C-alpha atoms as a PDB file:
ATOM      1  CA  MET A   1      -8.473 -10.959  21.144  1.00  0.00           C
ATOM      2  CA  ASN A   2      -6.243 -10.203  18.136  1.00  0.00           C
ATOM      3  CA  ARG A   3      -5.480  -6.554  17.592  1.00  0.00           C
ATOM      4  CA  VAL A   4      -5.022  -5.052  14.148  1.00  0.00           C
ATOM      5  CA  CYS A   5      -1.762  -3.201  13.718  1.00  0.00           C
ATOM      6  CA  LYS A   6      -2.702   0.274  12.584  1.00  0.00           C
ATOM      7  CA  LYS A   7       0.770   0.960  11.236  1.00  0.00           C
ATOM      8  CA  CYS A   8       1.058  -2.231   9.198  1.00  0.00           C
ATOM      9  CA  LEU A   9       0.779  -2.790   5.494  1.00  0.00           C
ATOM     10  CA  MET A  10      -1.521  -5.487   4.159  1.00  0.00           C
ATOM     11  CA  ARG A  11       1.466  -7.693   3.297  1.00  0.00           C
ATOM     12  CA  GLU A  12       2.393  -7.719   6.987  1.00  0.00           C
ATOM     13  CA  MET A  13      -1.049  -8.801   8.130  1.00  0.00           C
ATOM     14  CA  ALA A  14      -3.186 -11.916   7.708  1.00  0.00           C
ATOM     15  CA  ALA A  15      -2.257 -14.301   4.923  1.00  0.00           C
ATOM     16  CA  ALA A  16      -5.664 -14.025   3.234  1.00  0.00           C
ATOM     17  CA  ASP A  17      -5.358 -10.232   3.074  1.00  0.00           C
ATOM     18  CA  ALA A  18      -1.846 -10.447   1.664  1.00  0.00           C
ATOM     19  CA  LEU A  19      -2.971 -12.973  -0.950  1.00  0.00           C
ATOM     20  CA  MET A  20      -5.748 -10.634  -2.073  1.00  0.00           C
ATOM     21  CA  ILE A  21      -3.274  -7.773  -2.552  1.00  0.00           C
ATOM     22  CA  GLU A  22      -0.820 -10.050  -4.341  1.00  0.00           C
ATOM     23  CA  LYS A  23      -3.603 -11.198  -6.694  1.00  0.00           C
ATOM     24  CA  TYR A  24      -4.468  -7.625  -7.673  1.00  0.00           C
ATOM     25  CA  MET A  25      -0.791  -6.687  -8.008  1.00  0.00           C
ATOM     26  CA  ALA A  26      -0.120  -9.683 -10.248  1.00  0.00           C
ATOM     27  CA  ALA A  27      -2.805  -8.452 -12.602  1.00  0.00           C
ATOM     28  CA  ILE A  28      -0.933  -5.180 -13.173  1.00  0.00           C
ATOM     29  CA  LYS A  29       1.534  -5.399 -16.045  1.00  0.00           C
ATOM     30  CA  ALA A  30       5.180  -4.637 -15.281  1.00  0.00           C
ATOM     31  CA  GLU A  31       5.191  -1.676 -17.665  1.00  0.00           C
ATOM     32  CA  ASP A  32       2.258  -0.189 -15.718  1.00  0.00           C
ATOM     33  CA  ARG A  33       4.143  -0.175 -12.407  1.00  0.00           C
ATOM     34  CA  VAL A  34       6.648   2.111 -10.770  1.00  0.00           C
ATOM     35  CA  PRO A  35      10.149   0.655 -10.369  1.00  0.00           C
ATOM     36  CA  GLU A  36      10.611  -1.552  -7.298  1.00  0.00           C
ATOM     37  CA  GLY A  37      12.806   1.030  -5.509  1.00  0.00           C
ATOM     38  CA  GLU A  38      10.194   3.745  -5.969  1.00  0.00           C
ATOM     39  CA  TYR A  39       7.467   1.381  -4.779  1.00  0.00           C
ATOM     40  CA  GLU A  40       9.358   0.591  -1.575  1.00  0.00           C
ATOM     41  CA  ARG A  41      10.144   4.274  -1.039  1.00  0.00           C
ATOM     42  CA  ARG A  42       6.461   5.141  -1.287  1.00  0.00           C
ATOM     43  CA  LEU A  43       5.486   2.351   1.111  1.00  0.00           C
ATOM     44  CA  SER A  44       8.077   3.492   3.653  1.00  0.00           C
ATOM     45  CA  LEU A  45       6.549   6.966   3.573  1.00  0.00           C
ATOM     46  CA  CYS A  46       3.068   5.521   4.008  1.00  0.00           C
ATOM     47  CA  LYS A  47       4.244   3.479   7.018  1.00  0.00           C
ATOM     48  CA  GLU A  48       5.360   6.710   8.700  1.00  0.00           C
ATOM     49  CA  CYS A  49       2.068   8.459   8.002  1.00  0.00           C
ATOM     50  CA  GLU A  50      -0.476   8.928  10.779  1.00  0.00           C
ATOM     51  CA  ARG A  51      -3.255   8.249   8.281  1.00  0.00           C
ATOM     52  CA  LEU A  52      -2.208   4.636   7.637  1.00  0.00           C
ATOM     53  CA  ASN A  53      -4.637   2.276   9.313  1.00  0.00           C
ATOM     54  CA  ALA A  54      -4.288  -1.464   8.766  1.00  0.00           C
ATOM     55  CA  GLY A  55      -2.966  -1.084   5.213  1.00  0.00           C
ATOM     56  CA  ILE A  56      -5.590   1.458   4.226  1.00  0.00           C
ATOM     57  CA  CYS A  57      -5.101   5.190   3.750  1.00  0.00           C
ATOM     58  CA  ALA A  58      -7.589   6.995   5.970  1.00  0.00           C
ATOM     59  CA  ALA A  59      -7.327  10.052   3.704  1.00  0.00           C
ATOM     60  CA  CYS A  60      -8.611   8.376   0.550  1.00  0.00           C
ATOM     61  CA  GLY A  61      -9.617   4.820   1.506  1.00  0.00           C
ATOM     62  CA  CYS A  62      -7.176   3.050  -0.817  1.00  0.00           C
ATOM     63  CA  TYR A  63      -5.017   0.038  -0.115  1.00  0.00           C
ATOM     64  CA  VAL A  64      -1.666   1.778  -0.046  1.00  0.00           C
ATOM     65  CA  GLU A  65       0.185  -1.176  -1.558  1.00  0.00           C
ATOM     66  CA  LEU A  66      -1.927  -0.920  -4.678  1.00  0.00           C
ATOM     67  CA  ARG A  67      -1.912   2.847  -4.945  1.00  0.00           C
ATOM     68  CA  ALA A  68       1.871   3.045  -4.442  1.00  0.00           C
ATOM     69  CA  LEU A  69       2.375   0.661  -7.361  1.00  0.00           C
ATOM     70  CA  SER A  70       0.808   2.901  -9.969  1.00  0.00           C
ATOM     71  CA  PRO A  71       2.921   5.609 -11.678  1.00  0.00           C
ATOM     72  CA  VAL A  72      -0.143   7.836 -12.109  1.00  0.00           C
ATOM     73  CA  SER A  73      -1.288   7.606  -8.481  1.00  0.00           C
ATOM     74  CA  ARG A  74      -0.362  10.244  -5.940  1.00  0.00           C
ATOM     75  CA  CYS A  75      -0.492  10.465  -2.185  1.00  0.00           C
ATOM     76  CA  PRO A  76      -3.492  12.627  -1.198  1.00  0.00           C
ATOM     77  CA  TYR A  77      -1.169  14.566   1.128  1.00  0.00           C
ATOM     78  CA  HIS A  78       1.650  14.920  -1.420  1.00  0.00           C
ATOM     79  CA  SER A  79       4.128  12.741   0.489  1.00  0.00           C
ATOM     80  CA  TRP A  80       5.002  11.087  -2.838  1.00  0.00           C
END
């Protein structure tokens, strides 16, 4: 039986899941995104969070890779 990694991001999981996230991310214009360095910083904080569960934030239910991309989004626990 395959186990889901609770501390993984969607891009580290099944190819179909990663493709779905990539599709949504591609639809977001570059000017509507945080800089790449800020995006990766946010994701690294999410990976350390106990509320991350298989790429989803247990606090708010979002896909963290999408939420971290938006300059107007915030972590529900103020980590970023």
